[in-house]
Amino acid sequence: MKMICVLLILFGTIVLPVLGALDDADLNQIRLIVQKEIEPIKDDIEGLKIEVATLSGHVSGIEKMMTWLMVLIVVAVGLPQIIIAWRSRKDRSIEKQIEVLTQEIETLKQRQIVQP
């Protein structure tokens, strides 16, 4: 008998939660609570989207500025190098002309010395 009572009590504790199933009113109440809790989160997400869009605009402005600064640095470093290369080429050309003229002068001097 004791065994049957223990089994009935055990069976009753297992079956009681089944009888306490949720009905439509309970489910609607749970939905309302979840919606109330989700609303502030949705507002936070919208605010974050606006902030991200603003930051994205700032970042694109900074990227443009960085690009122009890199171009400026390349020009600042490259332009003097180009000028130096152009001048050295011009100097070599002038030196060749000077050598040719010097040789002509030497030949003319020797002609003058030979034919005074």
N, C-alpha and C. Protein backbone atom coordinates (compact mmCIF):
# COMPACT_ATOMS: atom_id res chain seq x y z
N MET A 1 0.80 -1.18 0.00
CA MET A 1 0.00 0.00 0.00
C MET A 1 0.86 1.26 0.00
N LYS A 2 1.88 1.19 0.81
CA LYS A 2 2.78 2.34 0.85
C LYS A 2 3.39 2.58 -0.53
N MET A 3 3.67 1.52 -1.18
CA MET A 3 4.29 1.63 -2.51
C MET A 3 3.33 2.28 -3.49
N ILE A 4 2.07 1.91 -3.40
CA ILE A 4 1.08 2.49 -4.31
C ILE A 4 0.93 3.98 -4.03
N CYS A 5 0.92 4.36 -2.75
CA CYS A 5 0.81 5.79 -2.40
C CYS A 5 2.00 6.57 -2.93
N VAL A 6 3.17 6.02 -2.77
CA VAL A 6 4.37 6.69 -3.26
C VAL A 6 4.31 6.82 -4.77
N LEU A 7 3.88 5.78 -5.46
CA LEU A 7 3.77 5.84 -6.92
C LEU A 7 2.71 6.84 -7.35
N LEU A 8 1.58 6.91 -6.64
CA LEU A 8 0.54 7.88 -6.97
C LEU A 8 1.05 9.31 -6.77
N ILE A 9 1.76 9.53 -5.70
CA ILE A 9 2.32 10.87 -5.46
C ILE A 9 3.34 11.22 -6.54
N LEU A 10 4.18 10.28 -6.87
CA LEU A 10 5.18 10.50 -7.92
C LEU A 10 4.50 10.75 -9.27
N PHE A 11 3.48 9.95 -9.59
CA PHE A 11 2.74 10.13 -10.83
C PHE A 11 2.04 11.49 -10.84
N GLY A 12 1.50 11.89 -9.71
CA GLY A 12 0.81 13.19 -9.59
C GLY A 12 1.77 14.35 -9.80
N THR A 13 2.97 14.24 -9.28
CA THR A 13 3.95 15.32 -9.47
C THR A 13 4.41 15.41 -10.92
N ILE A 14 4.40 14.29 -11.61
CA ILE A 14 4.80 14.29 -13.03
C ILE A 14 3.65 14.83 -13.89
N VAL A 15 2.41 14.49 -13.56
CA VAL A 15 1.25 14.85 -14.38
C VAL A 15 0.81 16.29 -14.12
N LEU A 16 1.00 16.84 -12.95
CA LEU A 16 0.52 18.18 -12.63
C LEU A 16 1.06 19.27 -13.57
N PRO A 17 2.33 19.28 -13.95
CA PRO A 17 2.78 20.32 -14.89
C PRO A 17 2.09 20.23 -16.24
N VAL A 18 1.67 19.03 -16.64
CA VAL A 18 0.97 18.88 -17.91
C VAL A 18 -0.39 19.56 -17.84
N LEU A 19 -1.03 19.49 -16.73
CA LEU A 19 -2.33 20.13 -16.56
C LEU A 19 -2.19 21.65 -16.54
N GLY A 20 -1.05 22.14 -16.21
CA GLY A 20 -0.82 23.59 -16.16
C GLY A 20 -0.35 24.14 -17.49
N ALA A 21 -0.80 23.63 -18.61
CA ALA A 21 -0.38 24.08 -19.94
C ALA A 21 -0.84 25.52 -20.16
N LEU A 22 -0.12 26.20 -21.03
CA LEU A 22 -0.43 27.60 -21.32
C LEU A 22 -1.61 27.69 -22.27
N ASP A 23 -2.52 28.60 -21.93
CA ASP A 23 -3.63 28.83 -22.85
C ASP A 23 -3.35 30.08 -23.68
N ASP A 24 -4.29 30.48 -24.54
CA ASP A 24 -4.07 31.61 -25.45
C ASP A 24 -3.84 32.92 -24.70
N ALA A 25 -4.53 33.12 -23.60
CA ALA A 25 -4.38 34.36 -22.83
C ALA A 25 -2.95 34.45 -22.28
N ASP A 26 -2.44 33.34 -21.79
CA ASP A 26 -1.07 33.34 -21.27
C ASP A 26 -0.06 33.62 -22.38
N LEU A 27 -0.28 33.00 -23.54
CA LEU A 27 0.63 33.24 -24.67
C LEU A 27 0.59 34.70 -25.12
N ASN A 28 -0.61 35.28 -25.16
CA ASN A 28 -0.73 36.69 -25.54
C ASN A 28 -0.03 37.59 -24.53
N GLN A 29 -0.15 37.25 -23.27
CA GLN A 29 0.51 38.03 -22.23
C GLN A 29 2.03 37.94 -22.38
N ILE A 30 2.53 36.77 -22.69
CA ILE A 30 3.97 36.60 -22.91
C ILE A 30 4.42 37.40 -24.12
N ARG A 31 3.60 37.39 -25.19
CA ARG A 31 3.94 38.17 -26.38
C ARG A 31 4.02 39.66 -26.06
N LEU A 32 3.06 40.15 -25.28
CA LEU A 32 3.08 41.57 -24.91
C LEU A 32 4.33 41.92 -24.11
N ILE A 33 4.69 41.07 -23.19
CA ILE A 33 5.89 41.33 -22.38
C ILE A 33 7.13 41.34 -23.26
N VAL A 34 7.22 40.39 -24.18
CA VAL A 34 8.38 40.32 -25.08
C VAL A 34 8.43 41.56 -25.96
N GLN A 35 7.27 42.00 -26.49
CA GLN A 35 7.24 43.19 -27.34
C GLN A 35 7.66 44.43 -26.56
N LYS A 36 7.21 44.54 -25.31
CA LYS A 36 7.60 45.69 -24.49
C LYS A 36 9.11 45.70 -24.25
N GLU A 37 9.68 44.53 -24.09
CA GLU A 37 11.12 44.45 -23.84
C GLU A 37 11.92 44.67 -25.12
N ILE A 38 11.34 44.35 -26.27
CA ILE A 38 12.05 44.49 -27.55
C ILE A 38 12.04 45.94 -28.04
N GLU A 39 11.00 46.71 -27.73
CA GLU A 39 10.88 48.09 -28.23
C GLU A 39 12.11 48.95 -27.90
N PRO A 40 12.60 48.99 -26.65
CA PRO A 40 13.80 49.81 -26.40
C PRO A 40 15.02 49.31 -27.17
N ILE A 41 15.10 48.01 -27.37
CA ILE A 41 16.23 47.46 -28.12
C ILE A 41 16.15 47.90 -29.57
N LYS A 42 14.93 47.91 -30.15
CA LYS A 42 14.76 48.38 -31.52
C LYS A 42 15.16 49.85 -31.64
N ASP A 43 14.76 50.66 -30.64
CA ASP A 43 15.13 52.08 -30.66
C ASP A 43 16.65 52.24 -30.59
N ASP A 44 17.29 51.43 -29.76
CA ASP A 44 18.75 51.48 -29.66
C ASP A 44 19.40 51.10 -30.99
N ILE A 45 18.84 50.11 -31.66
CA ILE A 45 19.40 49.68 -32.95
C ILE A 45 19.27 50.80 -33.97
N GLU A 46 18.13 51.48 -34.01
CA GLU A 46 17.95 52.60 -34.95
C GLU A 46 18.94 53.71 -34.66
N GLY A 47 19.13 54.01 -33.37
CA GLY A 47 20.11 55.03 -33.00
C GLY A 47 21.51 54.65 -33.43
N LEU A 48 21.85 53.38 -33.25
CA LEU A 48 23.17 52.91 -33.66
C LEU A 48 23.34 52.97 -35.17
N LYS A 49 22.26 52.68 -35.93
CA LYS A 49 22.35 52.77 -37.38
C LYS A 49 22.65 54.21 -37.80
N ILE A 50 22.01 55.17 -37.16
CA ILE A 50 22.26 56.58 -37.48
C ILE A 50 23.69 56.96 -37.14
N GLU A 51 24.17 56.52 -35.99
CA GLU A 51 25.55 56.83 -35.59
C GLU A 51 26.55 56.19 -36.54
N VAL A 52 26.28 54.97 -36.97
CA VAL A 52 27.18 54.29 -37.90
C VAL A 52 27.21 55.03 -39.23
N ALA A 53 26.06 55.49 -39.69
CA ALA A 53 26.02 56.24 -40.95
C ALA A 53 26.82 57.54 -40.83
N THR A 54 26.70 58.22 -39.69
CA THR A 54 27.47 59.45 -39.46
C THR A 54 28.96 59.15 -39.44
N LEU A 55 29.34 58.11 -38.72
CA LEU A 55 30.75 57.75 -38.65
C LEU A 55 31.28 57.31 -40.01
N SER A 56 30.45 56.65 -40.79
CA SER A 56 30.87 56.24 -42.12
C SER A 56 31.16 57.46 -42.98
N GLY A 57 30.34 58.49 -42.87
CA GLY A 57 30.60 59.73 -43.60
C GLY A 57 31.90 60.38 -43.16
N HIS A 58 32.15 60.39 -41.86
CA HIS A 58 33.41 60.96 -41.35
C HIS A 58 34.61 60.17 -41.86
N VAL A 59 34.49 58.85 -41.85
CA VAL A 59 35.60 58.00 -42.29
C VAL A 59 35.88 58.22 -43.77
N SER A 60 34.83 58.35 -44.58
CA SER A 60 35.07 58.58 -46.01
C SER A 60 35.73 59.93 -46.23
N GLY A 61 35.37 60.94 -45.43
CA GLY A 61 36.05 62.23 -45.52
C GLY A 61 37.51 62.13 -45.15
N ILE A 62 37.80 61.36 -44.12
CA ILE A 62 39.19 61.17 -43.69
C ILE A 62 39.96 60.40 -44.75
N GLU A 63 39.32 59.41 -45.39
CA GLU A 63 39.99 58.65 -46.46
C GLU A 63 40.37 59.57 -47.62
N LYS A 64 39.46 60.47 -48.00
CA LYS A 64 39.76 61.40 -49.08
C LYS A 64 40.94 62.29 -48.70
N MET A 65 40.92 62.78 -47.46
CA MET A 65 42.00 63.64 -47.00
C MET A 65 43.33 62.89 -47.00
N MET A 66 43.31 61.65 -46.55
CA MET A 66 44.54 60.85 -46.53
C MET A 66 45.05 60.62 -47.95
N THR A 67 44.13 60.38 -48.89
CA THR A 67 44.54 60.17 -50.28
C THR A 67 45.22 61.42 -50.82
N TRP A 68 44.63 62.58 -50.58
CA TRP A 68 45.24 63.83 -51.06
C TRP A 68 46.58 64.09 -50.38
N LEU A 69 46.69 63.74 -49.09
CA LEU A 69 47.97 63.93 -48.41
C LEU A 69 49.04 63.01 -48.99
N MET A 70 48.66 61.77 -49.33
CA MET A 70 49.63 60.87 -49.95
C MET A 70 50.08 61.39 -51.31
N VAL A 71 49.12 61.92 -52.08
CA VAL A 71 49.48 62.50 -53.38
C VAL A 71 50.42 63.68 -53.17
N LEU A 72 50.12 64.51 -52.18
CA LEU A 72 50.97 65.67 -51.89
C LEU A 72 52.38 65.23 -51.50
N ILE A 73 52.49 64.19 -50.69
CA ILE A 73 53.81 63.69 -50.28
C ILE A 73 54.57 63.14 -51.48
N VAL A 74 53.88 62.39 -52.34
CA VAL A 74 54.54 61.85 -53.53
C VAL A 74 55.04 62.98 -54.41
N VAL A 75 54.22 64.01 -54.59
CA VAL A 75 54.64 65.15 -55.41
C VAL A 75 55.79 65.88 -54.74
N ALA A 76 55.72 66.07 -53.42
CA ALA A 76 56.77 66.79 -52.71
C ALA A 76 58.10 66.05 -52.77
N VAL A 77 58.06 64.73 -52.77
CA VAL A 77 59.30 63.96 -52.84
C VAL A 77 59.72 63.73 -54.29
N GLY A 78 58.77 63.46 -55.15
CA GLY A 78 59.09 63.11 -56.53
C GLY A 78 59.48 64.29 -57.39
N LEU A 79 58.85 65.44 -57.20
CA LEU A 79 59.14 66.60 -58.04
C LEU A 79 60.59 67.05 -57.94
N PRO A 80 61.17 67.18 -56.75
CA PRO A 80 62.59 67.54 -56.70
C PRO A 80 63.49 66.50 -57.37
N GLN A 81 63.13 65.22 -57.25
CA GLN A 81 63.93 64.18 -57.91
C GLN A 81 63.87 64.33 -59.43
N ILE A 82 62.69 64.64 -59.93
CA ILE A 82 62.54 64.84 -61.38
C ILE A 82 63.34 66.06 -61.83
N ILE A 83 63.29 67.13 -61.04
CA ILE A 83 64.04 68.34 -61.39
C ILE A 83 65.54 68.05 -61.38
N ILE A 84 66.00 67.32 -60.38
CA ILE A 84 67.43 66.98 -60.30
C ILE A 84 67.84 66.14 -61.50
N ALA A 85 67.03 65.16 -61.87
CA ALA A 85 67.36 64.32 -63.03
C ALA A 85 67.38 65.15 -64.30
N TRP A 86 66.44 66.05 -64.47
CA TRP A 86 66.39 66.91 -65.66
C TRP A 86 67.62 67.81 -65.73
N ARG A 87 68.00 68.37 -64.57
CA ARG A 87 69.18 69.24 -64.53
C ARG A 87 70.45 68.46 -64.83
N SER A 88 70.56 67.25 -64.29
CA SER A 88 71.79 66.48 -64.54
C SER A 88 71.88 66.10 -66.02
N ARG A 89 70.76 65.78 -66.63
CA ARG A 89 70.76 65.48 -68.07
C ARG A 89 71.16 66.74 -68.85
N LYS A 90 70.63 67.86 -68.45
CA LYS A 90 70.96 69.13 -69.12
C LYS A 90 72.44 69.46 -68.91
N ASP A 91 72.94 69.21 -67.69
CA ASP A 91 74.36 69.46 -67.41
C ASP A 91 75.25 68.57 -68.27
N ARG A 92 74.87 67.30 -68.42
CA ARG A 92 75.66 66.40 -69.26
C ARG A 92 75.67 66.88 -70.72
N SER A 93 74.53 67.35 -71.17
CA SER A 93 74.45 67.86 -72.54
C SER A 93 75.35 69.09 -72.71
N ILE A 94 75.31 69.97 -71.73
CA ILE A 94 76.15 71.18 -71.79
C ILE A 94 77.62 70.80 -71.70
N GLU A 95 77.97 69.82 -70.85
CA GLU A 95 79.36 69.38 -70.74
C GLU A 95 79.85 68.80 -72.07
N LYS A 96 79.01 68.05 -72.75
CA LYS A 96 79.39 67.51 -74.07
C LYS A 96 79.64 68.65 -75.05
N GLN A 97 78.77 69.66 -75.02
CA GLN A 97 78.96 70.80 -75.92
C GLN A 97 80.26 71.54 -75.59
N ILE A 98 80.53 71.67 -74.30
CA ILE A 98 81.77 72.34 -73.88
C ILE A 98 82.98 71.54 -74.37
N GLU A 99 82.93 70.21 -74.24
CA GLU A 99 84.04 69.39 -74.71
C GLU A 99 84.24 69.54 -76.22
N VAL A 100 83.14 69.54 -76.97
CA VAL A 100 83.24 69.70 -78.42
C VAL A 100 83.84 71.06 -78.76
N LEU A 101 83.36 72.09 -78.10
CA LEU A 101 83.87 73.44 -78.36
C LEU A 101 85.34 73.56 -77.94
N THR A 102 85.69 72.93 -76.83
CA THR A 102 87.08 72.96 -76.38
C THR A 102 87.97 72.28 -77.42
N GLN A 103 87.53 71.16 -77.94
CA GLN A 103 88.32 70.47 -78.97
C GLN A 103 88.44 71.33 -80.23
N GLU A 104 87.38 72.01 -80.61
CA GLU A 104 87.45 72.89 -81.77
C GLU A 104 88.42 74.04 -81.53
N ILE A 105 88.36 74.59 -80.33
CA ILE A 105 89.29 75.67 -79.99
C ILE A 105 90.72 75.17 -80.06
N GLU A 106 90.95 73.99 -79.53
CA GLU A 106 92.30 73.42 -79.56
C GLU A 106 92.77 73.21 -81.00
N THR A 107 91.89 72.69 -81.83
CA THR A 107 92.29 72.49 -83.24
C THR A 107 92.54 73.82 -83.93
N LEU A 108 91.73 74.81 -83.63
CA LEU A 108 91.94 76.14 -84.22
C LEU A 108 93.23 76.76 -83.73
N LYS A 109 93.53 76.58 -82.45
CA LYS A 109 94.79 77.11 -81.91
C LYS A 109 95.97 76.43 -82.60
N GLN A 110 95.88 75.15 -82.79
CA GLN A 110 96.99 74.44 -83.43
C GLN A 110 97.13 74.88 -84.89
N ARG A 111 96.03 75.14 -85.57
CA ARG A 111 96.11 75.64 -86.94
C ARG A 111 96.76 77.02 -86.96
N GLN A 112 96.41 77.82 -86.00
CA GLN A 112 96.99 79.17 -85.94
C GLN A 112 98.47 79.08 -85.66
N ILE A 113 98.80 78.14 -84.76
CA ILE A 113 100.22 78.00 -84.43
C ILE A 113 100.96 77.45 -85.63
N VAL A 114 100.38 76.54 -86.32
CA VAL A 114 101.03 75.94 -87.48
C VAL A 114 101.06 76.95 -88.63
N GLN A 115 100.02 77.71 -88.84
CA GLN A 115 99.95 78.65 -89.96
C GLN A 115 99.87 80.09 -89.44
N PRO A 116 100.87 80.63 -88.92
CA PRO A 116 100.79 82.03 -88.46
C PRO A 116 100.94 83.02 -89.57
